[in-house]
Every structure is written in structure tokens, then in C-alpha cells.
Amino acid sequence: MSRRCELTGKGPMSGNNVSHAKNRTRRRFLPNLNDVSLMSETLGRTIKFKISAAALRTVDHRGGLDAFLAKAKDEELSANALKVKKEISKATAAA
């Protein structure tokens, strides 16, 4: 199971733990991932994602899941999110 946000592609980063004596040891900074269910107004159902807290705030800021996916770049999205994006675009084109 990868520790990667399904909507933004945010993943683990590496850096250093620095002690008071300036000794450096390698460490990992993990993203703050949460399991959430987001409602799609176009599809009329909820979709489960594993996204970062920052991505959740961005989804709210942009006006919901449909608006977020419309602006999102395809290379940042997971396979599941890309499938949902295509379903939403098909539903809006048909309507």
C-alpha cells in the first residue's frame, strides 16, 4: 500500500533529524493521509479516496470533488481518481 495522495500525488519526502549537537540522521516525512468519502454531485454517489489533509482543504476551496477533478492534471491523479474524472466528464457531456 503506497503512502501517496490519490488526488495530488503527494508522497513521502526524505530529510534529516538534526540533534542539538548537529548530528544528522536520515528520516522520512510522511504525508498526512486520511480515508474520506467525497460526494460527486454529477454522479450522485460517494467515492472513497485516501487523500492528504491539504488536498481535502483544496477540494472544499474549489467547490467540491467535481470542480477539483475538472482542474486537476491527469498525471497527478491515481488510477481510481482518473476513472472517476472520466465518468464525471462523460456525465457532464451527456447532460
Protein backbone atom coordinates (compact mmCIF):
# COMPACT_ATOMS: atom_id res chain seq x y z
CA MET A 1 0.00 0.00 0.00
CA SER A 2 1.61 3.24 -1.11
CA ARG A 3 1.59 6.32 1.05
CA ARG A 4 0.54 8.64 -1.74
CA CYS A 5 -2.36 11.06 -2.03
CA GLU A 6 -4.77 9.92 -4.74
CA LEU A 7 -5.69 13.46 -5.83
CA THR A 8 -2.46 15.47 -5.58
CA GLY A 9 0.21 12.77 -5.84
CA LYS A 10 1.87 13.98 -2.63
CA GLY A 11 4.15 11.26 -1.21
CA PRO A 12 6.88 10.70 1.36
CA MET A 13 9.87 13.04 1.41
CA SER A 14 13.27 12.47 2.99
CA GLY A 15 15.35 14.72 5.17
CA ASN A 16 17.47 14.81 8.29
CA ASN A 17 16.88 14.59 12.01
CA VAL A 18 19.22 17.21 13.46
CA SER A 19 20.23 16.87 17.10
CA HIS A 20 21.32 19.68 19.39
CA ALA A 21 24.93 18.69 18.63
CA LYS A 22 24.13 18.97 14.88
CA ASN A 23 24.38 15.20 14.29
CA ARG A 24 22.33 14.31 11.22
CA THR A 25 20.48 11.05 10.62
CA ARG A 26 18.15 10.34 7.72
CA ARG A 27 14.39 10.34 8.25
CA ARG A 28 11.15 10.33 6.25
CA PHE A 29 8.41 12.95 6.26
CA LEU A 30 5.12 11.16 5.58
CA PRO A 31 2.05 12.95 4.21
CA ASN A 32 -1.00 13.34 6.45
CA LEU A 33 -3.29 10.84 4.67
CA ASN A 34 -6.94 10.29 5.57
CA ASP A 35 -9.58 7.88 4.27
CA VAL A 36 -12.53 10.02 3.16
CA SER A 37 -15.74 9.60 1.18
CA LEU A 38 -16.38 12.50 -1.17
CA MET A 39 -19.74 13.20 -2.80
CA SER A 40 -19.93 13.78 -6.53
CA GLU A 41 -22.92 15.96 -7.43
CA THR A 42 -22.77 14.96 -11.10
CA LEU A 43 -22.70 11.20 -10.46
CA GLY A 44 -24.95 11.37 -7.40
CA ARG A 45 -22.85 9.00 -5.28
CA THR A 46 -19.92 8.98 -2.87
CA ILE A 47 -16.42 7.82 -3.78
CA LYS A 48 -13.81 6.69 -1.25
CA PHE A 49 -10.31 8.17 -1.55
CA LYS A 50 -7.12 8.19 0.51
CA ILE A 51 -6.08 11.84 0.35
CA SER A 52 -3.92 14.28 2.27
CA ALA A 53 -5.40 16.87 4.61
CA ALA A 54 -4.16 19.64 2.29
CA ALA A 55 -5.97 18.02 -0.66
CA LEU A 56 -9.18 17.85 1.37
CA ARG A 57 -8.97 21.60 2.04
CA THR A 58 -8.31 22.22 -1.66
CA VAL A 59 -11.36 20.17 -2.66
CA ASP A 60 -13.51 22.29 -0.33
CA HIS A 61 -11.92 25.50 -1.63
CA ARG A 62 -12.56 24.65 -5.28
CA GLY A 63 -16.21 23.84 -4.63
CA GLY A 64 -16.34 20.06 -4.40
CA LEU A 65 -14.94 16.92 -5.98
CA ASP A 66 -16.30 17.61 -9.48
CA ALA A 67 -14.70 21.05 -9.69
CA PHE A 68 -11.41 19.76 -8.27
CA LEU A 69 -11.14 16.91 -10.78
CA ALA A 70 -12.03 19.21 -13.68
CA LYS A 71 -8.93 21.34 -12.93
CA ALA A 72 -6.61 18.50 -11.84
CA LYS A 73 -3.76 17.28 -14.05
CA ASP A 74 -4.09 13.67 -15.18
CA GLU A 75 -0.50 12.72 -14.27
CA GLU A 76 -1.05 13.65 -10.60
CA LEU A 77 -4.22 11.55 -10.20
CA SER A 78 -4.31 7.88 -9.21
CA ALA A 79 -5.94 5.29 -11.47
CA ASN A 80 -9.11 5.34 -9.36
CA ALA A 81 -9.35 9.14 -9.42
CA LEU A 82 -8.68 9.23 -13.17
CA LYS A 83 -11.53 6.76 -13.73
CA VAL A 84 -13.89 8.94 -11.67
CA LYS A 85 -12.76 12.05 -13.58
CA LYS A 86 -13.62 10.40 -16.90
CA GLU A 87 -17.03 9.29 -15.58
CA ILE A 88 -17.79 12.86 -14.48
CA SER A 89 -16.72 14.33 -17.82
CA LYS A 90 -18.90 11.81 -19.69
CA ALA A 91 -21.89 12.61 -17.47
CA THR A 92 -21.50 16.36 -17.95
CA ALA A 93 -21.09 15.98 -21.73
CA ALA A 94 -24.25 13.85 -21.94
CA ALA A 95 -26.30 16.30 -19.88
